[in-house]
Amino acid sequence: MKVLSTKKLDDALIATYTQRGLEITCVEMLRVTPVACDTTNIDATQYDAIAFTSSQAVEHAMKDDRLTSLCQTKMIYALSGKTKDSLAQHGINTTASADNAESLSALITENKAIHSILHLTGNLTLDTLGTRLADAGISYHTLEVYRTDLIGPVVTDAYDMILFFSPSGVDSYLLHNVIKSTSICCCIGPTTASHLRERITDINLLVPATPTPEQMLHLLSNYHPSDTHDR
């Protein structure tokens, strides 16, 4: 089965699943660049907690000493999977994690000690977290630490399966490409899956129980037509 990944995957992971019958090609759909944000005037007392909804935000935030120090003294709420793992790699403990922004906002609002939160984010982040927290009366602030641009490359080959890792990755792919009715799409989590459903209603869609590239490929390598949720 020919598989298109819309971002670069680890070579060892590709090798493992090549042996299991998947022919994997990686084509980057997004260009990510750091934002030179001014953190000199950040008031640590203004925020009760910090939120992360992407590993890119973690990696770029941890390049700033002030943000790193802030994260070491505050409650940290993050998406499960790579985002939480990236925080752990930088020695940052996560107070709570969830599979998507909606579930994460519920965890935050349950904590009555949180009245104000800083979301370290990118320019294309969905407004789900901010809307939910504002509705709950929590003061919500954002700091953009990276920028994502849609590359929109043309994919000339045909693929049986396509991996999507973010709503922006979906949008970039669909700028100049279509998804065949016979293709199987695997989204890393429910947020990306919901966005893809909004763009294309008639689709073969899979979502792994755990939001990791490994689980996505495991799902595809064991795929049976009855596994898809939409058509």
C-alpha atoms as a PDB file:
ATOM      1  CA  MET A   1       0.000   0.000   0.000  1.00  0.00           C
ATOM      2  CA  LYS A   2       1.324   3.451  -0.946  1.00  0.00           C
ATOM      3  CA  VAL A   3       1.202   5.915   1.939  1.00  0.00           C
ATOM      4  CA  LEU A   4       1.703   9.687   1.817  1.00  0.00           C
ATOM      5  CA  SER A   5       2.747  11.397   5.046  1.00  0.00           C
ATOM      6  CA  THR A   6       2.136  15.144   5.009  1.00  0.00           C
ATOM      7  CA  LYS A   7       5.153  15.714   7.235  1.00  0.00           C
ATOM      8  CA  LYS A   8       8.585  14.157   7.697  1.00  0.00           C
ATOM      9  CA  LEU A   9       8.646  10.940   9.690  1.00  0.00           C
ATOM     10  CA  ASP A  10      11.520   9.307  11.523  1.00  0.00           C
ATOM     11  CA  ASP A  11      13.621   7.105   9.222  1.00  0.00           C
ATOM     12  CA  ALA A  12      13.572   4.190  11.675  1.00  0.00           C
ATOM     13  CA  LEU A  13       9.782   4.356  11.861  1.00  0.00           C
ATOM     14  CA  ILE A  14       9.535   4.329   8.071  1.00  0.00           C
ATOM     15  CA  ALA A  15      11.883   1.349   7.892  1.00  0.00           C
ATOM     16  CA  THR A  16       9.807  -0.595  10.421  1.00  0.00           C
ATOM     17  CA  TYR A  17       6.570  -0.159   8.522  1.00  0.00           C
ATOM     18  CA  THR A  18       8.169  -0.648   5.129  1.00  0.00           C
ATOM     19  CA  GLN A  19       8.881  -4.178   6.351  1.00  0.00           C
ATOM     20  CA  ARG A  20       5.163  -4.470   7.158  1.00  0.00           C
ATOM     21  CA  GLY A  21       4.071  -3.691   3.621  1.00  0.00           C
ATOM     22  CA  LEU A  22       3.675   0.099   3.609  1.00  0.00           C
ATOM     23  CA  GLU A  23       5.463   2.136   0.933  1.00  0.00           C
ATOM     24  CA  ILE A  24       5.809   5.512   2.687  1.00  0.00           C
ATOM     25  CA  THR A  25       6.606   8.864   1.045  1.00  0.00           C
ATOM     26  CA  CYS A  26       6.929  12.079   3.077  1.00  0.00           C
ATOM     27  CA  VAL A  27       6.035  15.486   1.600  1.00  0.00           C
ATOM     28  CA  GLU A  28       6.156  18.519   3.890  1.00  0.00           C
ATOM     29  CA  MET A  29       2.987  20.614   3.680  1.00  0.00           C
ATOM     30  CA  LEU A  30       4.011  23.307   6.158  1.00  0.00           C
ATOM     31  CA  ARG A  31       6.907  25.675   6.752  1.00  0.00           C
ATOM     32  CA  VAL A  32       7.465  26.551  10.410  1.00  0.00           C
ATOM     33  CA  THR A  33       9.610  29.525  11.449  1.00  0.00           C
ATOM     34  CA  PRO A  34      10.272  31.111  14.860  1.00  0.00           C
ATOM     35  CA  VAL A  35       8.720  34.423  15.860  1.00  0.00           C
ATOM     36  CA  ALA A  36      11.013  36.922  17.562  1.00  0.00           C
ATOM     37  CA  CYS A  37       8.603  37.752  20.399  1.00  0.00           C
ATOM     38  CA  ASP A  38       9.527  40.245  23.115  1.00  0.00           C
ATOM     39  CA  THR A  39       9.258  38.529  26.504  1.00  0.00           C
ATOM     40  CA  THR A  40      11.040  41.168  28.570  1.00  0.00           C
ATOM     41  CA  ASN A  41       7.799  42.627  29.919  1.00  0.00           C
ATOM     42  CA  ILE A  42       6.031  39.371  30.765  1.00  0.00           C
ATOM     43  CA  ASP A  43       4.636  39.578  34.292  1.00  0.00           C
ATOM     44  CA  ALA A  44       4.843  36.116  35.818  1.00  0.00           C
ATOM     45  CA  THR A  45       2.267  37.011  38.452  1.00  0.00           C
ATOM     46  CA  GLN A  46      -0.343  37.691  35.769  1.00  0.00           C
ATOM     47  CA  TYR A  47      -0.801  34.021  34.856  1.00  0.00           C
ATOM     48  CA  ASP A  48      -1.825  31.021  36.917  1.00  0.00           C
ATOM     49  CA  ALA A  49      -1.059  28.460  34.208  1.00  0.00           C
ATOM     50  CA  ILE A  50       0.497  27.947  30.769  1.00  0.00           C
ATOM     51  CA  ALA A  51      -1.117  26.021  27.891  1.00  0.00           C
ATOM     52  CA  PHE A  52       0.563  24.234  24.982  1.00  0.00           C
ATOM     53  CA  THR A  53      -1.341  22.715  22.070  1.00  0.00           C
ATOM     54  CA  SER A  54       1.593  21.864  19.783  1.00  0.00           C
ATOM     55  CA  SER A  55       5.099  20.498  20.098  1.00  0.00           C
ATOM     56  CA  GLN A  56       6.299  23.333  17.849  1.00  0.00           C
ATOM     57  CA  ALA A  57       5.202  25.817  20.516  1.00  0.00           C
ATOM     58  CA  VAL A  58       7.188  23.897  23.102  1.00  0.00           C
ATOM     59  CA  GLU A  59      10.353  23.779  21.015  1.00  0.00           C
ATOM     60  CA  HIS A  60      10.264  27.476  20.137  1.00  0.00           C
ATOM     61  CA  ALA A  61       9.228  28.634  23.618  1.00  0.00           C
ATOM     62  CA  MET A  62      12.039  26.700  25.266  1.00  0.00           C
ATOM     63  CA  LYS A  63      14.575  28.693  23.250  1.00  0.00           C
ATOM     64  CA  ASP A  64      13.635  31.730  25.354  1.00  0.00           C
ATOM     65  CA  ASP A  65      15.083  31.717  28.893  1.00  0.00           C
ATOM     66  CA  ARG A  66      12.234  33.805  30.342  1.00  0.00           C
ATOM     67  CA  LEU A  67       9.564  31.487  28.954  1.00  0.00           C
ATOM     68  CA  THR A  68      11.485  28.446  30.147  1.00  0.00           C
ATOM     69  CA  SER A  69      11.687  29.877  33.662  1.00  0.00           C
ATOM     70  CA  LEU A  70       8.000  30.774  33.581  1.00  0.00           C
ATOM     71  CA  CYS A  71       7.041  27.222  32.610  1.00  0.00           C
ATOM     72  CA  GLN A  72       9.080  25.842  35.510  1.00  0.00           C
ATOM     73  CA  THR A  73       7.000  27.786  38.035  1.00  0.00           C
ATOM     74  CA  LYS A  74       3.462  27.476  36.645  1.00  0.00           C
ATOM     75  CA  MET A  75       0.854  24.766  36.173  1.00  0.00           C
ATOM     76  CA  ILE A  76       1.221  23.360  32.657  1.00  0.00           C
ATOM     77  CA  TYR A  77      -1.676  22.090  30.540  1.00  0.00           C
ATOM     78  CA  ALA A  78      -0.807  20.382  27.257  1.00  0.00           C
ATOM     79  CA  LEU A  79      -2.103  18.118  24.544  1.00  0.00           C
ATOM     80  CA  SER A  80      -1.208  14.452  24.922  1.00  0.00           C
ATOM     81  CA  GLY A  81       1.364  12.781  22.719  1.00  0.00           C
ATOM     82  CA  LYS A  82       4.204  14.736  21.153  1.00  0.00           C
ATOM     83  CA  THR A  83       3.381  18.041  22.883  1.00  0.00           C
ATOM     84  CA  LYS A  84       3.495  16.506  26.356  1.00  0.00           C
ATOM     85  CA  ASP A  85       6.559  14.439  25.416  1.00  0.00           C
ATOM     86  CA  SER A  86       8.398  17.550  24.186  1.00  0.00           C
ATOM     87  CA  LEU A  87       7.750  19.281  27.507  1.00  0.00           C
ATOM     88  CA  ALA A  88       9.117  16.272  29.390  1.00  0.00           C
ATOM     89  CA  GLN A  89      12.262  16.323  27.251  1.00  0.00           C
ATOM     90  CA  HIS A  90      12.839  19.893  28.424  1.00  0.00           C
ATOM     91  CA  GLY A  91      12.281  18.962  32.069  1.00  0.00           C
ATOM     92  CA  ILE A  92       8.824  20.527  32.265  1.00  0.00           C
ATOM     93  CA  ASN A  93       6.202  18.570  34.202  1.00  0.00           C
ATOM     94  CA  THR A  94       2.655  18.598  32.853  1.00  0.00           C
ATOM     95  CA  THR A  95      -0.133  19.252  35.338  1.00  0.00           C
ATOM     96  CA  ALA A  96      -2.755  17.669  33.071  1.00  0.00           C
ATOM     97  CA  SER A  97      -3.089  16.633  29.437  1.00  0.00           C
ATOM     98  CA  ALA A  98      -5.868  15.757  26.993  1.00  0.00           C
ATOM     99  CA  ASP A  99      -6.219  14.500  23.434  1.00  0.00           C
ATOM    100  CA  ASN A 100      -7.736  17.729  22.064  1.00  0.00           C
ATOM    101  CA  ALA A 101      -8.219  21.402  22.891  1.00  0.00           C
ATOM    102  CA  GLU A 102     -11.857  20.990  23.898  1.00  0.00           C
ATOM    103  CA  SER A 103     -11.026  18.319  26.475  1.00  0.00           C
ATOM    104  CA  LEU A 104      -8.027  20.333  27.645  1.00  0.00           C
ATOM    105  CA  SER A 105     -10.216  23.396  28.249  1.00  0.00           C
ATOM    106  CA  ALA A 106     -12.521  21.253  30.402  1.00  0.00           C
ATOM    107  CA  LEU A 107      -9.576  20.205  32.584  1.00  0.00           C
ATOM    108  CA  ILE A 108      -8.484  23.808  32.970  1.00  0.00           C
ATOM    109  CA  THR A 109     -11.945  25.093  33.918  1.00  0.00           C
ATOM    110  CA  GLU A 110     -12.274  22.327  36.524  1.00  0.00           C
ATOM    111  CA  ASN A 111      -9.301  23.821  38.375  1.00  0.00           C
ATOM    112  CA  LYS A 112     -10.806  26.682  40.376  1.00  0.00           C
ATOM    113  CA  ALA A 113      -7.311  28.024  41.144  1.00  0.00           C
ATOM    114  CA  ILE A 114      -6.898  29.119  37.532  1.00  0.00           C
ATOM    115  CA  HIS A 115      -8.195  32.598  36.755  1.00  0.00           C
ATOM    116  CA  SER A 116      -5.740  33.558  34.013  1.00  0.00           C
ATOM    117  CA  ILE A 117      -3.824  31.486  31.469  1.00  0.00           C
ATOM    118  CA  LEU A 118      -1.144  32.115  28.855  1.00  0.00           C
ATOM    119  CA  HIS A 119      -1.341  30.056  25.656  1.00  0.00           C
ATOM    120  CA  LEU A 120       2.011  29.772  23.875  1.00  0.00           C
ATOM    121  CA  THR A 121       1.034  29.170  20.298  1.00  0.00           C
ATOM    122  CA  GLY A 122       1.422  29.708  16.558  1.00  0.00           C
ATOM    123  CA  ASN A 123      -0.345  31.953  14.074  1.00  0.00           C
ATOM    124  CA  LEU A 124      -2.722  29.273  12.733  1.00  0.00           C
ATOM    125  CA  THR A 125      -3.866  27.742  16.020  1.00  0.00           C
ATOM    126  CA  LEU A 126      -7.624  27.175  16.203  1.00  0.00           C
ATOM    127  CA  ASP A 127      -9.569  29.338  18.663  1.00  0.00           C
ATOM    128  CA  THR A 128     -11.203  26.382  20.471  1.00  0.00           C
ATOM    129  CA  LEU A 129      -9.222  26.770  23.701  1.00  0.00           C
ATOM    130  CA  GLY A 130      -9.614  30.539  23.881  1.00  0.00           C
ATOM    131  CA  THR A 131     -13.359  30.438  23.241  1.00  0.00           C
ATOM    132  CA  ARG A 132     -14.018  27.740  25.843  1.00  0.00           C
ATOM    133  CA  LEU A 133     -11.930  29.428  28.526  1.00  0.00           C
ATOM    134  CA  ALA A 134     -13.391  32.866  27.869  1.00  0.00           C
ATOM    135  CA  ASP A 135     -16.892  31.399  28.162  1.00  0.00           C
ATOM    136  CA  ALA A 136     -15.873  29.992  31.552  1.00  0.00           C
ATOM    137  CA  GLY A 137     -14.690  33.400  32.751  1.00  0.00           C
ATOM    138  CA  ILE A 138     -10.981  32.610  32.628  1.00  0.00           C
ATOM    139  CA  SER A 139      -8.735  35.409  31.396  1.00  0.00           C
ATOM    140  CA  TYR A 140      -7.110  34.048  28.241  1.00  0.00           C
ATOM    141  CA  HIS A 141      -3.901  35.440  26.706  1.00  0.00           C
ATOM    142  CA  THR A 142      -1.785  34.279  23.775  1.00  0.00           C
ATOM    143  CA  LEU A 143       1.853  34.709  22.853  1.00  0.00           C
ATOM    144  CA  GLU A 144       2.846  33.725  19.314  1.00  0.00           C
ATOM    145  CA  VAL A 145       6.195  31.924  19.394  1.00  0.00           C
ATOM    146  CA  TYR A 146       6.196  30.444  15.884  1.00  0.00           C
ATOM    147  CA  ARG A 147       4.638  30.928  12.477  1.00  0.00           C
ATOM    148  CA  THR A 148       3.243  28.296  10.140  1.00  0.00           C
ATOM    149  CA  ASP A 149       2.961  28.904   6.393  1.00  0.00           C
ATOM    150  CA  LEU A 150       1.047  26.651   4.014  1.00  0.00           C
ATOM    151  CA  ILE A 151       3.444  25.422   1.323  1.00  0.00           C
ATOM    152  CA  GLY A 152       0.787  23.689  -0.758  1.00  0.00           C
ATOM    153  CA  PRO A 153       3.053  21.483  -2.918  1.00  0.00           C
ATOM    154  CA  VAL A 154       1.499  19.586  -5.809  1.00  0.00           C
ATOM    155  CA  VAL A 155       1.494  15.828  -5.214  1.00  0.00           C
ATOM    156  CA  THR A 156       1.692  14.063  -8.569  1.00  0.00           C
ATOM    157  CA  ASP A 157       1.694  10.409  -7.491  1.00  0.00           C
ATOM    158  CA  ALA A 158      -1.409   8.519  -6.408  1.00  0.00           C
ATOM    159  CA  TYR A 159      -1.577   7.154  -2.853  1.00  0.00           C
ATOM    160  CA  ASP A 160      -3.787   4.605  -1.167  1.00  0.00           C
ATOM    161  CA  MET A 161      -3.460   6.251   2.251  1.00  0.00           C
ATOM    162  CA  ILE A 162      -2.737   9.802   3.469  1.00  0.00           C
ATOM    163  CA  LEU A 163      -1.565  10.864   6.939  1.00  0.00           C
ATOM    164  CA  PHE A 164      -2.640  14.268   8.310  1.00  0.00           C
ATOM    165  CA  PHE A 165      -1.179  15.782  11.480  1.00  0.00           C
ATOM    166  CA  SER A 166      -2.954  19.140  11.840  1.00  0.00           C
ATOM    167  CA  PRO A 167      -5.826  21.201  10.413  1.00  0.00           C
ATOM    168  CA  SER A 168      -3.275  23.466   8.699  1.00  0.00           C
ATOM    169  CA  GLY A 169      -1.686  20.404   7.083  1.00  0.00           C
ATOM    170  CA  VAL A 170      -5.101  19.470   5.699  1.00  0.00           C
ATOM    171  CA  ASP A 171      -5.595  22.982   4.317  1.00  0.00           C
ATOM    172  CA  SER A 172      -2.146  23.040   2.743  1.00  0.00           C
ATOM    173  CA  TYR A 173      -2.673  19.685   1.029  1.00  0.00           C
ATOM    174  CA  LEU A 174      -6.049  20.739  -0.351  1.00  0.00           C
ATOM    175  CA  LEU A 175      -4.683  23.963  -1.844  1.00  0.00           C
ATOM    176  CA  HIS A 176      -3.513  22.114  -4.961  1.00  0.00           C
ATOM    177  CA  ASN A 177      -4.488  18.479  -4.446  1.00  0.00           C
ATOM    178  CA  VAL A 178      -7.594  16.345  -4.157  1.00  0.00           C
ATOM    179  CA  ILE A 179      -8.346  13.254  -2.114  1.00  0.00           C
ATOM    180  CA  LYS A 180      -9.567  10.321  -4.177  1.00  0.00           C
ATOM    181  CA  SER A 181     -12.771   8.653  -3.066  1.00  0.00           C
ATOM    182  CA  THR A 182     -10.831   5.418  -2.704  1.00  0.00           C
ATOM    183  CA  SER A 183      -8.090   6.885  -0.502  1.00  0.00           C
ATOM    184  CA  ILE A 184      -7.923   6.190   3.238  1.00  0.00           C
ATOM    185  CA  CYS A 185      -7.149   9.259   5.360  1.00  0.00           C
ATOM    186  CA  CYS A 186      -5.657   8.850   8.822  1.00  0.00           C
ATOM    187  CA  CYS A 187      -5.704  11.884  11.142  1.00  0.00           C
ATOM    188  CA  ILE A 188      -3.556  12.082  14.247  1.00  0.00           C
ATOM    189  CA  GLY A 189      -6.435  13.208  16.447  1.00  0.00           C
ATOM    190  CA  PRO A 190     -10.098  14.265  16.586  1.00  0.00           C
ATOM    191  CA  THR A 191      -9.422  17.963  15.981  1.00  0.00           C
ATOM    192  CA  THR A 192      -7.666  17.278  12.675  1.00  0.00           C
ATOM    193  CA  ALA A 193     -10.292  14.686  11.783  1.00  0.00           C
ATOM    194  CA  SER A 194     -13.143  17.136  12.428  1.00  0.00           C
ATOM    195  CA  HIS A 195     -11.451  19.740  10.258  1.00  0.00           C
ATOM    196  CA  LEU A 196     -11.002  17.254   7.430  1.00  0.00           C
ATOM    197  CA  ARG A 197     -14.663  16.269   7.694  1.00  0.00           C
ATOM    198  CA  GLU A 198     -15.616  19.940   7.381  1.00  0.00           C
ATOM    199  CA  ARG A 199     -13.569  20.231   4.195  1.00  0.00           C
ATOM    200  CA  ILE A 200     -14.666  16.899   2.678  1.00  0.00           C
ATOM    201  CA  THR A 201     -17.839  15.247   3.932  1.00  0.00           C
ATOM    202  CA  ASP A 202     -17.563  11.984   1.971  1.00  0.00           C
ATOM    203  CA  ILE A 203     -14.320  10.404   3.097  1.00  0.00           C
ATOM    204  CA  ASN A 204     -12.717   7.220   4.420  1.00  0.00           C
ATOM    205  CA  LEU A 205     -11.339   8.314   7.788  1.00  0.00           C
ATOM    206  CA  LEU A 206      -9.298   6.672  10.546  1.00  0.00           C
ATOM    207  CA  VAL A 207      -8.163   8.123  13.896  1.00  0.00           C
ATOM    208  CA  PRO A 208      -5.767   6.217  16.190  1.00  0.00           C
ATOM    209  CA  ALA A 209      -6.590   5.719  19.863  1.00  0.00           C
ATOM    210  CA  THR A 210      -3.253   7.326  20.760  1.00  0.00           C
ATOM    211  CA  PRO A 211      -2.179  10.478  18.842  1.00  0.00           C
ATOM    212  CA  THR A 212       1.246   9.398  17.560  1.00  0.00           C
ATOM    213  CA  PRO A 213       2.710   8.715  14.098  1.00  0.00           C
ATOM    214  CA  GLU A 214       3.554   5.199  15.275  1.00  0.00           C
ATOM    215  CA  GLN A 215      -0.078   4.451  16.079  1.00  0.00           C
ATOM    216  CA  MET A 216      -1.218   5.960  12.786  1.00  0.00           C
ATOM    217  CA  LEU A 217       1.044   3.639  10.823  1.00  0.00           C
ATOM    218  CA  HIS A 218       0.095   0.693  13.020  1.00  0.00           C
ATOM    219  CA  LEU A 219      -3.553   1.403  12.233  1.00  0.00           C
ATOM    220  CA  LEU A 220      -2.870   1.544   8.507  1.00  0.00           C
ATOM    221  CA  SER A 221      -0.755  -1.597   8.483  1.00  0.00           C
ATOM    222  CA  ASN A 222      -3.674  -3.476  10.058  1.00  0.00           C
ATOM    223  CA  TYR A 223      -6.373  -1.711   8.050  1.00  0.00           C
ATOM    224  CA  HIS A 224      -9.612  -3.429   7.105  1.00  0.00           C
ATOM    225  CA  PRO A 225     -12.360  -1.607   5.131  1.00  0.00           C
ATOM    226  CA  SER A 226     -14.777  -1.943   8.087  1.00  0.00           C
ATOM    227  CA  ASP A 227     -12.427   0.210  10.218  1.00  0.00           C
ATOM    228  CA  THR A 228     -13.274   3.526   8.498  1.00  0.00           C
ATOM    229  CA  HIS A 229     -15.764   5.867  10.173  1.00  0.00           C
ATOM    230  CA  ASP A 230     -17.061   7.862   7.234  1.00  0.00           C
ATOM    231  CA  ARG A 231     -18.046   7.399   3.614  1.00  0.00           C
END
